[in-house]
Amino acid sequence: MRDDTIYEDTDVKEALKRLPENVYNDRTFRIKRALDLSMKQQLLPKDQWTKYEEDVNYLTPYLEEVVRERKEREEWMKK
């Protein structure tokens, strides 16, 4: 999940707030699992890896919306 590793700037933080609860909880689980495995210096079993074609950019639509709204606000502030 590429969206799990994205740098959390203000736009990303706002997009995360807009995620449905179940999607946010899934993201949190994946991050916690990754941190746990990293601390134990273990790898995730291969049968649990996400295949490239199954990877979903769940955050992208929300992030695009936040960026679009921010740019619109900036345009209004210029006037």
PDB file of N, CA and C in Angstrom:
ATOM      1  N   MET A   1       0.830  -1.173   0.000  1.00  0.00           N
ATOM      2  CA  MET A   1       0.000   0.000   0.000  1.00  0.00           C
ATOM      3  C   MET A   1       0.882   1.246   0.000  1.00  0.00           C
ATOM      4  N   ARG A   2       1.019   1.813  -1.145  1.00  0.00           N
ATOM      5  CA  ARG A   2       1.879   2.995  -1.271  1.00  0.00           C
ATOM      6  C   ARG A   2       1.377   4.157  -0.425  1.00  0.00           C
ATOM      7  N   ASP A   3       0.076   4.270  -0.259  1.00  0.00           N
ATOM      8  CA  ASP A   3      -0.466   5.402   0.493  1.00  0.00           C
ATOM      9  C   ASP A   3      -0.140   5.308   1.988  1.00  0.00           C
ATOM     10  N   ASP A   4       0.299   4.134   2.454  1.00  0.00           N
ATOM     11  CA  ASP A   4       0.672   3.988   3.860  1.00  0.00           C
ATOM     12  C   ASP A   4       1.998   4.664   4.166  1.00  0.00           C
ATOM     13  N   THR A   5       2.819   4.881   3.146  1.00  0.00           N
ATOM     14  CA  THR A   5       4.164   5.411   3.371  1.00  0.00           C
ATOM     15  C   THR A   5       4.302   6.873   2.975  1.00  0.00           C
ATOM     16  N   ILE A   6       3.222   7.517   2.619  1.00  0.00           N
ATOM     17  CA  ILE A   6       3.263   8.902   2.156  1.00  0.00           C
ATOM     18  C   ILE A   6       3.585   9.835   3.323  1.00  0.00           C
ATOM     19  N   TYR A   7       4.400  10.859   3.048  1.00  0.00           N
ATOM     20  CA  TYR A   7       4.753  11.853   4.064  1.00  0.00           C
ATOM     21  C   TYR A   7       3.499  12.628   4.471  1.00  0.00           C
ATOM     22  N   GLU A   8       3.285  12.772   5.766  1.00  0.00           N
ATOM     23  CA  GLU A   8       2.061  13.396   6.270  1.00  0.00           C
ATOM     24  C   GLU A   8       2.222  14.908   6.422  1.00  0.00           C
ATOM     25  N   ASP A   9       2.024  15.633   5.327  1.00  0.00           N
ATOM     26  CA  ASP A   9       1.983  17.092   5.411  1.00  0.00           C
ATOM     27  C   ASP A   9       0.549  17.498   5.759  1.00  0.00           C
ATOM     28  N   THR A  10       0.249  18.783   5.749  1.00  0.00           N
ATOM     29  CA  THR A  10      -1.082  19.239   6.171  1.00  0.00           C
ATOM     30  C   THR A  10      -2.182  18.722   5.248  1.00  0.00           C
ATOM     31  N   ASP A  11      -1.911  18.636   3.945  1.00  0.00           N
ATOM     32  CA  ASP A  11      -2.918  18.119   3.016  1.00  0.00           C
ATOM     33  C   ASP A  11      -3.210  16.647   3.294  1.00  0.00           C
ATOM     34  N   VAL A  12      -2.170  15.877   3.528  1.00  0.00           N
ATOM     35  CA  VAL A  12      -2.345  14.445   3.796  1.00  0.00           C
ATOM     36  C   VAL A  12      -3.082  14.245   5.113  1.00  0.00           C
ATOM     37  N   LYS A  13      -2.751  15.036   6.117  1.00  0.00           N
ATOM     38  CA  LYS A  13      -3.438  14.912   7.408  1.00  0.00           C
ATOM     39  C   LYS A  13      -4.929  15.187   7.262  1.00  0.00           C
ATOM     40  N   GLU A  14      -5.285  16.175   6.461  1.00  0.00           N
ATOM     41  CA  GLU A  14      -6.701  16.473   6.228  1.00  0.00           C
ATOM     42  C   GLU A  14      -7.361  15.334   5.461  1.00  0.00           C
ATOM     43  N   ALA A  15      -6.671  14.785   4.479  1.00  0.00           N
ATOM     44  CA  ALA A  15      -7.222  13.665   3.708  1.00  0.00           C
ATOM     45  C   ALA A  15      -7.443  12.455   4.612  1.00  0.00           C
ATOM     46  N   LEU A  16      -6.534  12.222   5.538  1.00  0.00           N
ATOM     47  CA  LEU A  16      -6.686  11.099   6.469  1.00  0.00           C
ATOM     48  C   LEU A  16      -7.924  11.272   7.348  1.00  0.00           C
ATOM     49  N   LYS A  17      -8.228  12.506   7.730  1.00  0.00           N
ATOM     50  CA  LYS A  17      -9.422  12.769   8.539  1.00  0.00           C
ATOM     51  C   LYS A  17     -10.697  12.426   7.780  1.00  0.00           C
ATOM     52  N   ARG A  18     -10.638  12.487   6.462  1.00  0.00           N
ATOM     53  CA  ARG A  18     -11.826  12.253   5.639  1.00  0.00           C
ATOM     54  C   ARG A  18     -12.024  10.784   5.268  1.00  0.00           C
ATOM     55  N   LEU A  19     -11.060   9.951   5.577  1.00  0.00           N
ATOM     56  CA  LEU A  19     -11.188   8.532   5.243  1.00  0.00           C
ATOM     57  C   LEU A  19     -12.335   7.902   6.028  1.00  0.00           C
ATOM     58  N   PRO A  20     -13.029   6.950   5.428  1.00  0.00           N
ATOM     59  CA  PRO A  20     -14.013   6.186   6.201  1.00  0.00           C
ATOM     60  C   PRO A  20     -13.294   5.462   7.346  1.00  0.00           C
ATOM     61  N   GLU A  21     -13.995   5.251   8.428  1.00  0.00           N
ATOM     62  CA  GLU A  21     -13.380   4.682   9.627  1.00  0.00           C
ATOM     63  C   GLU A  21     -12.715   3.333   9.364  1.00  0.00           C
ATOM     64  N   ASN A  22     -13.377   2.469   8.606  1.00  0.00           N
ATOM     65  CA  ASN A  22     -12.802   1.144   8.368  1.00  0.00           C
ATOM     66  C   ASN A  22     -11.508   1.223   7.552  1.00  0.00           C
ATOM     67  N   VAL A  23     -11.431   2.134   6.601  1.00  0.00           N
ATOM     68  CA  VAL A  23     -10.217   2.306   5.790  1.00  0.00           C
ATOM     69  C   VAL A  23      -9.095   2.863   6.661  1.00  0.00           C
ATOM     70  N   TYR A  24      -9.424   3.820   7.517  1.00  0.00           N
ATOM     71  CA  TYR A  24      -8.428   4.390   8.429  1.00  0.00           C
ATOM     72  C   TYR A  24      -7.912   3.327   9.395  1.00  0.00           C
ATOM     73  N   ASN A  25      -8.816   2.503   9.927  1.00  0.00           N
ATOM     74  CA  ASN A  25      -8.410   1.436  10.846  1.00  0.00           C
ATOM     75  C   ASN A  25      -7.524   0.408  10.153  1.00  0.00           C
ATOM     76  N   ASP A  26      -7.844   0.063   8.913  1.00  0.00           N
ATOM     77  CA  ASP A  26      -7.003  -0.865   8.148  1.00  0.00           C
ATOM     78  C   ASP A  26      -5.609  -0.286   7.954  1.00  0.00           C
ATOM     79  N   ARG A  27      -5.535   0.997   7.653  1.00  0.00           N
ATOM     80  CA  ARG A  27      -4.247   1.673   7.463  1.00  0.00           C
ATOM     81  C   ARG A  27      -3.439   1.630   8.752  1.00  0.00           C
ATOM     82  N   THR A  28      -4.085   1.942   9.866  1.00  0.00           N
ATOM     83  CA  THR A  28      -3.413   1.930  11.160  1.00  0.00           C
ATOM     84  C   THR A  28      -2.890   0.537  11.481  1.00  0.00           C
ATOM     85  N   PHE A  29      -3.686  -0.486  11.197  1.00  0.00           N
ATOM     86  CA  PHE A  29      -3.259  -1.864  11.441  1.00  0.00           C
ATOM     87  C   PHE A  29      -2.014  -2.203  10.632  1.00  0.00           C
ATOM     88  N   ARG A  30      -2.015  -1.831   9.345  1.00  0.00           N
ATOM     89  CA  ARG A  30      -0.864  -2.141   8.491  1.00  0.00           C
ATOM     90  C   ARG A  30       0.400  -1.440   8.981  1.00  0.00           C
ATOM     91  N   ILE A  31       0.262  -0.188   9.407  1.00  0.00           N
ATOM     92  CA  ILE A  31       1.425   0.556   9.896  1.00  0.00           C
ATOM     93  C   ILE A  31       1.940  -0.050  11.199  1.00  0.00           C
ATOM     94  N   LYS A  32       1.035  -0.394  12.119  1.00  0.00           N
ATOM     95  CA  LYS A  32       1.452  -1.002  13.385  1.00  0.00           C
ATOM     96  C   LYS A  32       2.120  -2.352  13.147  1.00  0.00           C
ATOM     97  N   ARG A  33       1.569  -3.131  12.234  1.00  0.00           N
ATOM     98  CA  ARG A  33       2.151  -4.440  11.917  1.00  0.00           C
ATOM     99  C   ARG A  33       3.554  -4.259  11.335  1.00  0.00           C
ATOM    100  N   ALA A  34       3.719  -3.275  10.455  1.00  0.00           N
ATOM    101  CA  ALA A  34       5.035  -3.015   9.856  1.00  0.00           C
ATOM    102  C   ALA A  34       6.050  -2.596  10.923  1.00  0.00           C
ATOM    103  N   LEU A  35       5.631  -1.734  11.842  1.00  0.00           N
ATOM    104  CA  LEU A  35       6.535  -1.308  12.916  1.00  0.00           C
ATOM    105  C   LEU A  35       6.915  -2.477  13.818  1.00  0.00           C
ATOM    106  N   ASP A  36       5.944  -3.321  14.136  1.00  0.00           N
ATOM    107  CA  ASP A  36       6.198  -4.484  14.977  1.00  0.00           C
ATOM    108  C   ASP A  36       7.193  -5.432  14.310  1.00  0.00           C
ATOM    109  N   LEU A  37       6.971  -5.722  13.041  1.00  0.00           N
ATOM    110  CA  LEU A  37       7.885  -6.609  12.317  1.00  0.00           C
ATOM    111  C   LEU A  37       9.275  -5.988  12.208  1.00  0.00           C
ATOM    112  N   SER A  38       9.327  -4.689  12.015  1.00  0.00           N
ATOM    113  CA  SER A  38      10.613  -4.005  11.913  1.00  0.00           C
ATOM    114  C   SER A  38      11.391  -4.100  13.228  1.00  0.00           C
ATOM    115  N   MET A  39      10.703  -3.889  14.346  1.00  0.00           N
ATOM    116  CA  MET A  39      11.372  -3.974  15.646  1.00  0.00           C
ATOM    117  C   MET A  39      11.861  -5.389  15.923  1.00  0.00           C
ATOM    118  N   LYS A  40      11.106  -6.379  15.477  1.00  0.00           N
ATOM    119  CA  LYS A  40      11.494  -7.780  15.670  1.00  0.00           C
ATOM    120  C   LYS A  40      12.478  -8.253  14.608  1.00  0.00           C
ATOM    121  N   GLN A  41      12.773  -7.387  13.646  1.00  0.00           N
ATOM    122  CA  GLN A  41      13.640  -7.704  12.513  1.00  0.00           C
ATOM    123  C   GLN A  41      13.157  -8.963  11.795  1.00  0.00           C
ATOM    124  N   GLN A  42      11.845  -8.975  11.517  1.00  0.00           N
ATOM    125  CA  GLN A  42      11.221 -10.080  10.800  1.00  0.00           C
ATOM    126  C   GLN A  42      10.579  -9.545   9.532  1.00  0.00           C
ATOM    127  N   LEU A  43      10.326 -10.455   8.609  1.00  0.00           N
ATOM    128  CA  LEU A  43       9.625 -10.104   7.381  1.00  0.00           C
ATOM    129  C   LEU A  43       8.196 -10.614   7.440  1.00  0.00           C
ATOM    130  N   LEU A  44       7.323  -9.909   6.772  1.00  0.00           N
ATOM    131  CA  LEU A  44       5.944 -10.358   6.641  1.00  0.00           C
ATOM    132  C   LEU A  44       5.941 -11.624   5.796  1.00  0.00           C
ATOM    133  N   PRO A  45       5.206 -12.659   6.204  1.00  0.00           N
ATOM    134  CA  PRO A  45       5.155 -13.873   5.385  1.00  0.00           C
ATOM    135  C   PRO A  45       4.707 -13.547   3.959  1.00  0.00           C
ATOM    136  N   LYS A  46       5.325 -14.199   3.008  1.00  0.00           N
ATOM    137  CA  LYS A  46       5.098 -13.885   1.602  1.00  0.00           C
ATOM    138  C   LYS A  46       3.624 -14.020   1.212  1.00  0.00           C
ATOM    139  N   ASP A  47       2.894 -14.940   1.828  1.00  0.00           N
ATOM    140  CA  ASP A  47       1.477 -15.114   1.478  1.00  0.00           C
ATOM    141  C   ASP A  47       0.617 -13.930   1.929  1.00  0.00           C
ATOM    142  N   GLN A  48       1.177 -13.033   2.757  1.00  0.00           N
ATOM    143  CA  GLN A  48       0.447 -11.850   3.213  1.00  0.00           C
ATOM    144  C   GLN A  48       0.865 -10.580   2.481  1.00  0.00           C
ATOM    145  N   TRP A  49       1.814 -10.687   1.568  1.00  0.00           N
ATOM    146  CA  TRP A  49       2.242  -9.529   0.789  1.00  0.00           C
ATOM    147  C   TRP A  49       1.112  -9.063  -0.109  1.00  0.00           C
ATOM    148  N   THR A  50       1.041  -7.767  -0.350  1.00  0.00           N
ATOM    149  CA  THR A  50       0.066  -7.205  -1.280  1.00  0.00           C
ATOM    150  C   THR A  50       0.643  -7.282  -2.684  1.00  0.00           C
ATOM    151  N   LYS A  51      -0.110  -7.904  -3.569  1.00  0.00           N
ATOM    152  CA  LYS A  51       0.327  -7.982  -4.962  1.00  0.00           C
ATOM    153  C   LYS A  51       0.137  -6.615  -5.616  1.00  0.00           C
ATOM    154  N   TYR A  52       1.018  -6.292  -6.551  1.00  0.00           N
ATOM    155  CA  TYR A  52       0.980  -4.985  -7.202  1.00  0.00           C
ATOM    156  C   TYR A  52      -0.392  -4.707  -7.808  1.00  0.00           C
ATOM    157  N   GLU A  53      -0.972  -5.695  -8.477  1.00  0.00           N
ATOM    158  CA  GLU A  53      -2.264  -5.487  -9.136  1.00  0.00           C
ATOM    159  C   GLU A  53      -3.418  -5.384  -8.136  1.00  0.00           C
ATOM    160  N   GLU A  54      -3.195  -5.789  -6.890  1.00  0.00           N
ATOM    161  CA  GLU A  54      -4.231  -5.690  -5.858  1.00  0.00           C
ATOM    162  C   GLU A  54      -4.070  -4.429  -5.004  1.00  0.00           C
ATOM    163  N   ASP A  55      -2.976  -3.721  -5.201  1.00  0.00           N
ATOM    164  CA  ASP A  55      -2.712  -2.511  -4.425  1.00  0.00           C
ATOM    165  C   ASP A  55      -3.722  -1.429  -4.799  1.00  0.00           C
ATOM    166  N   VAL A  56      -4.282  -0.788  -3.791  1.00  0.00           N
ATOM    167  CA  VAL A  56      -5.304   0.237  -3.998  1.00  0.00           C
ATOM    168  C   VAL A  56      -4.786   1.561  -3.444  1.00  0.00           C
ATOM    169  N   ASN A  57      -4.849   2.589  -4.244  1.00  0.00           N
ATOM    170  CA  ASN A  57      -4.479   3.935  -3.776  1.00  0.00           C
ATOM    171  C   ASN A  57      -5.695   4.559  -3.097  1.00  0.00           C
ATOM    172  N   TYR A  58      -5.962   4.115  -1.881  1.00  0.00           N
ATOM    173  CA  TYR A  58      -7.177   4.525  -1.175  1.00  0.00           C
ATOM    174  C   TYR A  58      -7.165   5.993  -0.767  1.00  0.00           C
ATOM    175  N   LEU A  59      -6.000   6.569  -0.590  1.00  0.00           N
ATOM    176  CA  LEU A  59      -5.914   7.947  -0.107  1.00  0.00           C
ATOM    177  C   LEU A  59      -5.942   8.972  -1.240  1.00  0.00           C
ATOM    178  N   THR A  60      -5.547   8.570  -2.423  1.00  0.00           N
ATOM    179  CA  THR A  60      -5.395   9.490  -3.550  1.00  0.00           C
ATOM    180  C   THR A  60      -6.637  10.326  -3.843  1.00  0.00           C
ATOM    181  N   PRO A  61      -7.840   9.741  -3.939  1.00  0.00           N
ATOM    182  CA  PRO A  61      -9.007  10.587  -4.240  1.00  0.00           C
ATOM    183  C   PRO A  61      -9.268  11.646  -3.163  1.00  0.00           C
ATOM    184  N   TYR A  62      -9.060  11.276  -1.912  1.00  0.00           N
ATOM    185  CA  TYR A  62      -9.272  12.224  -0.815  1.00  0.00           C
ATOM    186  C   TYR A  62      -8.204  13.314  -0.841  1.00  0.00           C
ATOM    187  N   LEU A  63      -6.974  12.929  -1.121  1.00  0.00           N
ATOM    188  CA  LEU A  63      -5.879  13.892  -1.184  1.00  0.00           C
ATOM    189  C   LEU A  63      -6.067  14.866  -2.341  1.00  0.00           C
ATOM    190  N   GLU A  64      -6.481  14.362  -3.482  1.00  0.00           N
ATOM    191  CA  GLU A  64      -6.733  15.239  -4.631  1.00  0.00           C
ATOM    192  C   GLU A  64      -7.830  16.249  -4.314  1.00  0.00           C
ATOM    193  N   GLU A  65      -8.859  15.801  -3.607  1.00  0.00           N
ATOM    194  CA  GLU A  65      -9.950  16.694  -3.225  1.00  0.00           C
ATOM    195  C   GLU A  65      -9.453  17.788  -2.277  1.00  0.00           C
ATOM    196  N   VAL A  66      -8.642  17.410  -1.300  1.00  0.00           N
ATOM    197  CA  VAL A  66      -8.105  18.380  -0.341  1.00  0.00           C
ATOM    198  C   VAL A  66      -7.231  19.409  -1.051  1.00  0.00           C
ATOM    199  N   VAL A  67      -6.367  18.953  -1.948  1.00  0.00           N
ATOM    200  CA  VAL A  67      -5.482  19.865  -2.682  1.00  0.00           C
ATOM    201  C   VAL A  67      -6.298  20.807  -3.558  1.00  0.00           C
ATOM    202  N   ARG A  68      -7.313  20.270  -4.226  1.00  0.00           N
ATOM    203  CA  ARG A  68      -8.180  21.098  -5.070  1.00  0.00           C
ATOM    204  C   ARG A  68      -8.879  22.172  -4.231  1.00  0.00           C
ATOM    205  N   GLU A  69      -9.384  21.796  -3.063  1.00  0.00           N
ATOM    206  CA  GLU A  69     -10.049  22.760  -2.186  1.00  0.00           C
ATOM    207  C   GLU A  69      -9.068  23.822  -1.682  1.00  0.00           C
ATOM    208  N   ARG A  70      -7.848  23.411  -1.329  1.00  0.00           N
ATOM    209  CA  ARG A  70      -6.847  24.361  -0.847  1.00  0.00           C
ATOM    210  C   ARG A  70      -6.494  25.366  -1.934  1.00  0.00           C
ATOM    211  N   LYS A  71      -6.298  24.884  -3.149  1.00  0.00           N
ATOM    212  CA  LYS A  71      -5.968  25.784  -4.258  1.00  0.00           C
ATOM    213  C   LYS A  71      -7.119  26.747  -4.542  1.00  0.00           C
ATOM    214  N   GLU A  72      -8.341  26.251  -4.431  1.00  0.00           N
ATOM    215  CA  GLU A  72      -9.507  27.110  -4.638  1.00  0.00           C
ATOM    216  C   GLU A  72      -9.562  28.201  -3.567  1.00  0.00           C
ATOM    217  N   ARG A  73      -9.286  27.817  -2.306  1.00  0.00           N
ATOM    218  CA  ARG A  73      -9.259  28.799  -1.213  1.00  0.00           C
ATOM    219  C   ARG A  73      -8.177  29.847  -1.448  1.00  0.00           C
ATOM    220  N   GLU A  74      -7.013  29.390  -1.904  1.00  0.00           N
ATOM    221  CA  GLU A  74      -5.917  30.325  -2.180  1.00  0.00           C
ATOM    222  C   GLU A  74      -6.295  31.308  -3.278  1.00  0.00           C
ATOM    223  N   GLU A  75      -7.002  30.846  -4.293  1.00  0.00           N
ATOM    224  CA  GLU A  75      -7.452  31.730  -5.371  1.00  0.00           C
ATOM    225  C   GLU A  75      -8.441  32.765  -4.843  1.00  0.00           C
ATOM    226  N   TRP A  76      -9.348  32.330  -3.963  1.00  0.00           N
ATOM    227  CA  TRP A  76     -10.320  33.260  -3.382  1.00  0.00           C
ATOM    228  C   TRP A  76      -9.627  34.314  -2.522  1.00  0.00           C
ATOM    229  N   MET A  77      -8.566  33.903  -1.821  1.00  0.00           N
ATOM    230  CA  MET A  77      -7.853  34.840  -0.947  1.00  0.00           C
ATOM    231  C   MET A  77      -7.098  35.893  -1.758  1.00  0.00           C
ATOM    232  N   LYS A  78      -6.725  35.579  -2.981  1.00  0.00           N
ATOM    233  CA  LYS A  78      -6.015  36.532  -3.838  1.00  0.00           C
ATOM    234  C   LYS A  78      -6.927  37.660  -4.299  1.00  0.00           C
ATOM    235  N   LYS A  79      -8.214  37.385  -4.371  1.00  0.00           N
ATOM    236  CA  LYS A  79      -9.168  38.375  -4.889  1.00  0.00           C
ATOM    237  C   LYS A  79      -9.511  39.413  -3.853  1.00  0.00           C
TER     238      LYS A  79
END
